Amino acid sequence: MNEKYNSKLVENAKNLRKNMTKEEKHLWYDFLKGLPFTVHRQKVIGNYIVDFYIASLETVIEVDGSQHYEEKGVVKDAKRDEYLNEIGLKVLRYSNCDVNTNFEGVCQDILKQLNKPSP
């Protein structure tokens, strides 16, 4: 992926990295950080900042809070996912609730999705 990125978002991405949500921290420190791939946190891609990005697998992992399930959030996420898919990225989404109540299941699903060949 050699997409241009919005350099105006870099400072915001750095701030988000320093202030991850508790669910993002849990997923990062207790699972993603130990994967055998480089996982970037709060990565700027185009005009978006994604929660986690695995370049070698062209995969984005999002951990969504409640605002993502409100009408405005659903529309924004659909537009964002469409853009990411158009540039060849697979997007995996998990809710904060899933991370908090079914952490093992989230981790197993991520591994399953990462091992699937791209369509």
N, C-alpha and C. Protein backbone atom coordinates (compact mmCIF):
# COMPACT_ATOMS: atom_id res chain seq x y z
N MET A 1 0.85 -1.18 0.00
CA MET A 1 0.00 0.00 0.00
C MET A 1 0.89 1.24 0.00
N ASN A 2 0.82 2.00 -1.05
CA ASN A 2 1.58 3.23 -1.13
C ASN A 2 0.65 4.42 -1.21
N GLU A 3 -0.40 4.40 -0.45
CA GLU A 3 -1.36 5.49 -0.45
C GLU A 3 -0.76 6.70 0.26
N LYS A 4 -1.13 7.87 -0.22
CA LYS A 4 -0.74 9.09 0.47
C LYS A 4 -1.53 9.16 1.77
N TYR A 5 -0.97 9.86 2.73
CA TYR A 5 -1.68 10.02 3.98
C TYR A 5 -1.74 11.50 4.33
N ASN A 6 -2.71 11.83 5.13
CA ASN A 6 -2.92 13.21 5.55
C ASN A 6 -1.95 13.52 6.68
N SER A 7 -0.89 14.27 6.38
CA SER A 7 0.14 14.56 7.38
C SER A 7 -0.41 15.39 8.54
N LYS A 8 -1.56 16.06 8.33
CA LYS A 8 -2.16 16.84 9.41
C LYS A 8 -2.70 15.95 10.53
N LEU A 9 -2.85 14.66 10.24
CA LEU A 9 -3.37 13.72 11.24
C LEU A 9 -2.28 13.09 12.10
N VAL A 10 -1.03 13.29 11.75
CA VAL A 10 0.08 12.61 12.44
C VAL A 10 0.11 12.97 13.93
N GLU A 11 -0.01 14.24 14.26
CA GLU A 11 0.01 14.64 15.68
C GLU A 11 -1.15 14.00 16.45
N ASN A 12 -2.33 13.99 15.82
CA ASN A 12 -3.49 13.37 16.46
C ASN A 12 -3.25 11.88 16.67
N ALA A 13 -2.65 11.23 15.70
CA ALA A 13 -2.34 9.80 15.83
C ALA A 13 -1.39 9.54 16.99
N LYS A 14 -0.37 10.40 17.11
CA LYS A 14 0.57 10.26 18.24
C LYS A 14 -0.15 10.40 19.57
N ASN A 15 -1.05 11.37 19.63
CA ASN A 15 -1.83 11.58 20.85
C ASN A 15 -2.72 10.37 21.15
N LEU A 16 -3.34 9.82 20.13
CA LEU A 16 -4.19 8.64 20.32
C LEU A 16 -3.37 7.43 20.78
N ARG A 17 -2.13 7.32 20.28
CA ARG A 17 -1.25 6.22 20.71
C ARG A 17 -0.94 6.33 22.20
N LYS A 18 -0.72 7.57 22.66
CA LYS A 18 -0.41 7.79 24.08
C LYS A 18 -1.64 7.61 24.96
N ASN A 19 -2.82 7.76 24.39
CA ASN A 19 -4.06 7.75 25.17
C ASN A 19 -5.04 6.71 24.64
N MET A 20 -4.55 5.48 24.44
CA MET A 20 -5.43 4.43 23.95
C MET A 20 -6.53 4.15 24.96
N THR A 21 -7.68 3.68 24.45
CA THR A 21 -8.76 3.27 25.34
C THR A 21 -8.32 2.03 26.10
N LYS A 22 -9.02 1.71 27.18
CA LYS A 22 -8.62 0.54 27.96
C LYS A 22 -8.77 -0.74 27.13
N GLU A 23 -9.74 -0.77 26.22
CA GLU A 23 -9.92 -1.94 25.37
C GLU A 23 -8.79 -2.06 24.35
N GLU A 24 -8.36 -0.93 23.78
CA GLU A 24 -7.23 -0.95 22.86
C GLU A 24 -5.96 -1.39 23.59
N LYS A 25 -5.75 -0.87 24.79
CA LYS A 25 -4.58 -1.27 25.58
C LYS A 25 -4.59 -2.77 25.86
N HIS A 26 -5.75 -3.28 26.25
CA HIS A 26 -5.88 -4.71 26.57
C HIS A 26 -5.52 -5.54 25.34
N LEU A 27 -6.11 -5.20 24.19
CA LEU A 27 -5.84 -5.95 22.97
C LEU A 27 -4.37 -5.82 22.58
N TRP A 28 -3.81 -4.64 22.70
CA TRP A 28 -2.41 -4.40 22.32
C TRP A 28 -1.44 -5.16 23.22
N TYR A 29 -1.52 -4.89 24.53
CA TYR A 29 -0.52 -5.45 25.44
C TYR A 29 -0.71 -6.94 25.69
N ASP A 30 -1.95 -7.41 25.63
CA ASP A 30 -2.20 -8.81 25.97
C ASP A 30 -2.34 -9.73 24.77
N PHE A 31 -2.21 -9.17 23.55
CA PHE A 31 -2.33 -10.04 22.38
C PHE A 31 -1.54 -9.54 21.16
N LEU A 32 -1.92 -8.40 20.61
CA LEU A 32 -1.34 -7.96 19.34
C LEU A 32 0.16 -7.75 19.39
N LYS A 33 0.65 -7.22 20.50
CA LYS A 33 2.08 -6.93 20.64
C LYS A 33 2.93 -8.21 20.52
N GLY A 34 2.35 -9.34 20.85
CA GLY A 34 3.08 -10.60 20.81
C GLY A 34 2.99 -11.36 19.49
N LEU A 35 2.25 -10.82 18.53
CA LEU A 35 2.13 -11.51 17.24
C LEU A 35 3.46 -11.47 16.49
N PRO A 36 3.67 -12.44 15.60
CA PRO A 36 4.94 -12.48 14.86
C PRO A 36 4.96 -11.55 13.64
N PHE A 37 4.16 -10.48 13.67
CA PHE A 37 4.14 -9.49 12.60
C PHE A 37 4.30 -8.12 13.25
N THR A 38 4.73 -7.16 12.47
CA THR A 38 4.78 -5.79 12.97
C THR A 38 3.36 -5.23 12.96
N VAL A 39 2.90 -4.79 14.12
CA VAL A 39 1.57 -4.20 14.25
C VAL A 39 1.76 -2.73 14.62
N HIS A 40 1.24 -1.85 13.79
CA HIS A 40 1.32 -0.42 14.05
C HIS A 40 0.07 0.02 14.80
N ARG A 41 0.25 0.90 15.79
CA ARG A 41 -0.89 1.44 16.54
C ARG A 41 -1.20 2.83 16.01
N GLN A 42 -2.50 3.12 15.91
CA GLN A 42 -2.98 4.45 15.52
C GLN A 42 -2.22 4.94 14.28
N LYS A 43 -2.37 4.23 13.21
CA LYS A 43 -1.66 4.50 11.95
C LYS A 43 -2.51 5.36 11.03
N VAL A 44 -1.89 6.41 10.46
CA VAL A 44 -2.59 7.26 9.51
C VAL A 44 -2.56 6.58 8.14
N ILE A 45 -3.74 6.36 7.58
CA ILE A 45 -3.89 5.81 6.23
C ILE A 45 -4.89 6.70 5.51
N GLY A 46 -4.42 7.37 4.47
CA GLY A 46 -5.28 8.32 3.76
C GLY A 46 -5.72 9.42 4.71
N ASN A 47 -7.02 9.64 4.81
CA ASN A 47 -7.57 10.65 5.72
C ASN A 47 -8.10 10.03 7.01
N TYR A 48 -7.62 8.86 7.34
CA TYR A 48 -8.12 8.14 8.51
C TYR A 48 -6.98 7.73 9.44
N ILE A 49 -7.32 7.54 10.70
CA ILE A 49 -6.39 6.96 11.66
C ILE A 49 -7.02 5.63 12.08
N VAL A 50 -6.33 4.54 11.79
CA VAL A 50 -6.85 3.23 12.15
C VAL A 50 -6.24 2.80 13.48
N ASP A 51 -6.97 1.99 14.24
CA ASP A 51 -6.50 1.58 15.56
C ASP A 51 -5.21 0.74 15.46
N PHE A 52 -5.27 -0.31 14.65
CA PHE A 52 -4.11 -1.19 14.48
C PHE A 52 -3.97 -1.55 13.01
N TYR A 53 -2.73 -1.66 12.54
CA TYR A 53 -2.49 -1.94 11.12
C TYR A 53 -1.33 -2.91 11.00
N ILE A 54 -1.57 -3.99 10.25
CA ILE A 54 -0.53 -4.98 9.96
C ILE A 54 -0.26 -4.89 8.46
N ALA A 55 0.78 -4.15 8.10
CA ALA A 55 1.09 -3.88 6.69
C ALA A 55 1.37 -5.17 5.92
N SER A 56 2.14 -6.08 6.51
CA SER A 56 2.52 -7.30 5.80
C SER A 56 1.31 -8.17 5.45
N LEU A 57 0.20 -8.00 6.17
CA LEU A 57 -1.01 -8.77 5.90
C LEU A 57 -2.13 -7.90 5.35
N GLU A 58 -1.81 -6.63 5.10
CA GLU A 58 -2.78 -5.67 4.57
C GLU A 58 -4.09 -5.72 5.36
N THR A 59 -3.96 -5.64 6.68
CA THR A 59 -5.11 -5.79 7.58
C THR A 59 -5.16 -4.66 8.59
N VAL A 60 -6.36 -4.15 8.79
CA VAL A 60 -6.66 -3.13 9.78
C VAL A 60 -7.53 -3.79 10.85
N ILE A 61 -7.25 -3.50 12.12
CA ILE A 61 -8.08 -4.00 13.23
C ILE A 61 -8.61 -2.79 13.97
N GLU A 62 -9.93 -2.73 14.09
CA GLU A 62 -10.59 -1.61 14.77
C GLU A 62 -11.28 -2.12 16.03
N VAL A 63 -11.18 -1.33 17.09
CA VAL A 63 -11.89 -1.61 18.34
C VAL A 63 -12.88 -0.46 18.52
N ASP A 64 -14.16 -0.79 18.42
CA ASP A 64 -15.20 0.23 18.33
C ASP A 64 -15.97 0.44 19.63
N GLY A 65 -16.06 1.71 20.02
CA GLY A 65 -16.90 2.11 21.14
C GLY A 65 -18.33 2.33 20.68
N SER A 66 -19.19 2.70 21.60
CA SER A 66 -20.63 2.80 21.32
C SER A 66 -20.98 3.79 20.21
N GLN A 67 -20.17 4.85 20.04
CA GLN A 67 -20.47 5.84 19.01
C GLN A 67 -20.46 5.23 17.61
N HIS A 68 -19.77 4.12 17.42
CA HIS A 68 -19.70 3.46 16.12
C HIS A 68 -21.01 2.75 15.77
N TYR A 69 -21.88 2.59 16.75
CA TYR A 69 -23.13 1.87 16.52
C TYR A 69 -24.33 2.81 16.41
N GLU A 70 -24.06 4.11 16.53
CA GLU A 70 -25.10 5.11 16.29
C GLU A 70 -25.12 5.37 14.79
N GLU A 71 -26.25 5.88 14.28
CA GLU A 71 -26.43 6.04 12.84
C GLU A 71 -25.26 6.78 12.17
N LYS A 72 -24.86 7.90 12.76
CA LYS A 72 -23.76 8.69 12.19
C LYS A 72 -22.46 7.88 12.14
N GLY A 73 -22.19 7.14 13.20
CA GLY A 73 -20.99 6.32 13.25
C GLY A 73 -21.00 5.19 12.24
N VAL A 74 -22.16 4.57 12.06
CA VAL A 74 -22.29 3.47 11.09
C VAL A 74 -22.00 3.98 9.68
N VAL A 75 -22.54 5.15 9.36
CA VAL A 75 -22.33 5.74 8.03
C VAL A 75 -20.86 6.08 7.83
N LYS A 76 -20.23 6.72 8.83
CA LYS A 76 -18.81 7.09 8.73
C LYS A 76 -17.94 5.85 8.58
N ASP A 77 -18.24 4.80 9.36
CA ASP A 77 -17.45 3.57 9.30
C ASP A 77 -17.60 2.88 7.94
N ALA A 78 -18.80 2.91 7.38
CA ALA A 78 -19.03 2.28 6.07
C ALA A 78 -18.19 2.99 5.01
N LYS A 79 -18.16 4.32 5.06
CA LYS A 79 -17.37 5.10 4.10
C LYS A 79 -15.88 4.81 4.27
N ARG A 80 -15.45 4.77 5.51
CA ARG A 80 -14.06 4.50 5.83
C ARG A 80 -13.66 3.09 5.38
N ASP A 81 -14.49 2.10 5.71
CA ASP A 81 -14.20 0.72 5.31
C ASP A 81 -14.16 0.58 3.79
N GLU A 82 -15.05 1.29 3.10
CA GLU A 82 -15.07 1.24 1.64
C GLU A 82 -13.73 1.75 1.09
N TYR A 83 -13.26 2.86 1.62
CA TYR A 83 -11.97 3.41 1.19
C TYR A 83 -10.84 2.41 1.47
N LEU A 84 -10.80 1.89 2.68
CA LEU A 84 -9.73 0.96 3.05
C LEU A 84 -9.77 -0.29 2.17
N ASN A 85 -10.97 -0.81 1.90
CA ASN A 85 -11.11 -1.97 1.03
C ASN A 85 -10.65 -1.65 -0.39
N GLU A 86 -10.98 -0.45 -0.87
CA GLU A 86 -10.59 -0.05 -2.23
C GLU A 86 -9.07 -0.01 -2.41
N ILE A 87 -8.35 0.28 -1.35
CA ILE A 87 -6.88 0.31 -1.47
C ILE A 87 -6.27 -1.04 -1.07
N GLY A 88 -7.13 -2.05 -0.94
CA GLY A 88 -6.64 -3.42 -0.75
C GLY A 88 -6.49 -3.89 0.68
N LEU A 89 -7.11 -3.18 1.62
CA LEU A 89 -6.98 -3.58 3.02
C LEU A 89 -8.22 -4.31 3.51
N LYS A 90 -7.98 -5.31 4.33
CA LYS A 90 -9.07 -6.03 5.00
C LYS A 90 -9.28 -5.34 6.35
N VAL A 91 -10.55 -5.11 6.72
CA VAL A 91 -10.86 -4.44 7.98
C VAL A 91 -11.57 -5.42 8.91
N LEU A 92 -11.00 -5.60 10.11
CA LEU A 92 -11.62 -6.43 11.14
C LEU A 92 -12.12 -5.49 12.23
N ARG A 93 -13.38 -5.63 12.61
CA ARG A 93 -13.96 -4.75 13.63
C ARG A 93 -14.46 -5.57 14.82
N TYR A 94 -14.15 -5.06 16.02
CA TYR A 94 -14.60 -5.70 17.26
C TYR A 94 -15.11 -4.60 18.17
N SER A 95 -16.15 -4.88 18.90
CA SER A 95 -16.69 -3.87 19.82
C SER A 95 -15.92 -3.89 21.14
N ASN A 96 -15.97 -2.76 21.83
CA ASN A 96 -15.39 -2.71 23.18
C ASN A 96 -16.00 -3.81 24.03
N CYS A 97 -17.29 -4.02 23.89
CA CYS A 97 -18.00 -5.05 24.67
C CYS A 97 -17.38 -6.43 24.40
N ASP A 98 -17.12 -6.74 23.13
CA ASP A 98 -16.50 -8.03 22.79
C ASP A 98 -15.12 -8.17 23.44
N VAL A 99 -14.33 -7.11 23.38
CA VAL A 99 -12.99 -7.15 23.98
C VAL A 99 -13.10 -7.37 25.49
N ASN A 100 -14.09 -6.73 26.12
CA ASN A 100 -14.25 -6.83 27.57
C ASN A 100 -14.87 -8.15 28.03
N THR A 101 -15.77 -8.73 27.23
CA THR A 101 -16.50 -9.92 27.70
C THR A 101 -16.10 -11.21 27.00
N ASN A 102 -15.43 -11.10 25.86
CA ASN A 102 -15.06 -12.30 25.11
C ASN A 102 -13.67 -12.12 24.50
N PHE A 103 -12.72 -11.73 25.33
CA PHE A 103 -11.37 -11.42 24.85
C PHE A 103 -10.75 -12.60 24.11
N GLU A 104 -10.87 -13.78 24.67
CA GLU A 104 -10.29 -14.98 24.04
C GLU A 104 -10.90 -15.22 22.67
N GLY A 105 -12.21 -15.03 22.56
CA GLY A 105 -12.89 -15.20 21.27
C GLY A 105 -12.44 -14.18 20.24
N VAL A 106 -12.24 -12.94 20.67
CA VAL A 106 -11.74 -11.89 19.77
C VAL A 106 -10.35 -12.28 19.27
N CYS A 107 -9.49 -12.70 20.16
CA CYS A 107 -8.12 -13.07 19.77
C CYS A 107 -8.14 -14.25 18.80
N GLN A 108 -8.97 -15.25 19.09
CA GLN A 108 -9.05 -16.41 18.19
C GLN A 108 -9.58 -16.01 16.82
N ASP A 109 -10.57 -15.09 16.79
CA ASP A 109 -11.11 -14.65 15.51
C ASP A 109 -10.05 -13.87 14.72
N ILE A 110 -9.30 -13.02 15.40
CA ILE A 110 -8.24 -12.27 14.71
C ILE A 110 -7.24 -13.24 14.09
N LEU A 111 -6.80 -14.23 14.85
CA LEU A 111 -5.85 -15.22 14.31
C LEU A 111 -6.44 -15.94 13.11
N LYS A 112 -7.69 -16.33 13.21
CA LYS A 112 -8.37 -17.02 12.10
C LYS A 112 -8.40 -16.12 10.87
N GLN A 113 -8.76 -14.85 11.05
CA GLN A 113 -8.85 -13.90 9.93
C GLN A 113 -7.46 -13.61 9.34
N LEU A 114 -6.45 -13.54 10.17
CA LEU A 114 -5.10 -13.25 9.68
C LEU A 114 -4.53 -14.43 8.88
N ASN A 115 -5.01 -15.63 9.16
CA ASN A 115 -4.52 -16.79 8.45
C ASN A 115 -5.31 -17.12 7.19
N LYS A 116 -6.40 -16.36 6.95
CA LYS A 116 -7.20 -16.57 5.74
C LYS A 116 -6.50 -15.93 4.56
N PRO A 117 -6.47 -16.63 3.42
CA PRO A 117 -5.91 -15.98 2.24
C PRO A 117 -6.82 -14.85 1.77
N SER A 118 -6.24 -13.82 1.17
CA SER A 118 -7.03 -12.70 0.67
C SER A 118 -7.88 -13.17 -0.51
N PRO A 119 -9.10 -12.61 -0.63
CA PRO A 119 -9.99 -13.04 -1.74
C PRO A 119 -9.46 -12.59 -3.09
